Amino acid sequence: GHRGKVPEIRTDQDTITFVLTITVREGREGTTAKLVLRCDRDGGIQASIRPASLGDPDRGTTGS
């Protein structure tokens, strides 16, 4: 199988965001989730996990 995907890295003015797709095992079933790490210039880190099935809120359908 694949050894995992390359992390997606987004750089903004004040933050760097890493998005890693991970597989979470629940019993025999494996579900995919996104691990989001947001690091700011002060050294703070915010981590969140979102189910991949919900889509990516950061990429909403509103356009830029």
Protein backbone atom coordinates (compact mmCIF):
# COMPACT_ATOMS: atom_id res chain seq x y z
CA GLY A 1 0.00 0.00 0.00
CA HIS A 2 0.93 3.65 0.02
CA ARG A 3 3.24 4.87 2.77
CA GLY A 4 1.06 7.90 3.45
CA LYS A 5 0.63 11.16 1.64
CA VAL A 6 2.89 14.15 1.64
CA PRO A 7 1.60 16.67 4.16
CA GLU A 8 -0.10 19.72 2.76
CA ILE A 9 1.61 22.87 4.01
CA ARG A 10 0.00 26.30 3.87
CA THR A 11 1.97 29.38 4.80
CA ASP A 12 0.19 32.58 5.74
CA GLN A 13 1.60 35.82 7.04
CA ASP A 14 1.54 34.80 10.68
CA THR A 15 0.92 31.08 10.66
CA ILE A 16 2.03 27.84 9.07
CA THR A 17 -0.59 25.15 8.72
CA PHE A 18 0.24 21.49 8.20
CA VAL A 19 -2.55 19.20 7.03
CA LEU A 20 -1.85 15.48 7.31
CA THR A 21 -4.26 12.80 6.24
CA ILE A 22 -4.22 10.00 8.78
CA THR A 23 -6.01 6.70 9.17
CA VAL A 24 -7.75 6.13 12.47
CA ARG A 25 -8.38 2.54 13.40
CA GLU A 26 -11.62 1.65 15.11
CA GLY A 27 -11.83 -2.08 15.58
CA ARG A 28 -11.46 -3.55 12.12
CA GLU A 29 -12.57 -0.43 10.33
CA GLY A 30 -10.20 2.31 9.36
CA THR A 31 -11.53 5.79 8.86
CA THR A 32 -9.62 8.66 7.35
CA ALA A 33 -9.22 11.93 9.20
CA LYS A 34 -7.28 15.12 8.71
CA LEU A 35 -4.85 16.19 11.38
CA VAL A 36 -4.45 19.96 11.20
CA LEU A 37 -1.56 21.64 12.99
CA ARG A 38 -1.50 25.43 12.99
CA CYS A 39 1.69 27.03 14.26
CA ASP A 40 1.88 30.76 14.84
CA ARG A 41 4.88 33.03 15.11
CA ASP A 42 4.68 33.14 18.90
CA GLY A 43 5.33 29.42 19.04
CA GLY A 44 1.77 28.48 19.83
CA ILE A 45 0.35 25.37 18.22
CA GLN A 46 -3.29 24.54 17.62
CA ALA A 47 -4.11 20.98 16.69
CA SER A 48 -7.43 19.70 15.46
CA ILE A 49 -8.68 16.52 13.86
CA ARG A 50 -11.54 16.56 11.40
CA PRO A 51 -13.22 13.60 9.75
CA ALA A 52 -12.34 13.66 6.08
CA SER A 53 -15.90 12.73 5.21
CA LEU A 54 -17.16 16.15 6.26
CA GLY A 55 -15.14 17.84 3.57
CA ASP A 56 -12.66 20.63 4.19
CA PRO A 57 -14.21 23.76 5.73
CA ASP A 58 -11.15 25.80 4.80
CA ARG A 59 -11.98 25.29 1.16
CA GLY A 60 -15.66 26.20 1.38
CA THR A 61 -17.77 26.88 -1.66
CA THR A 62 -17.81 30.67 -1.22
CA GLY A 63 -14.79 31.29 -3.45
CA SER A 64 -11.94 33.55 -2.36
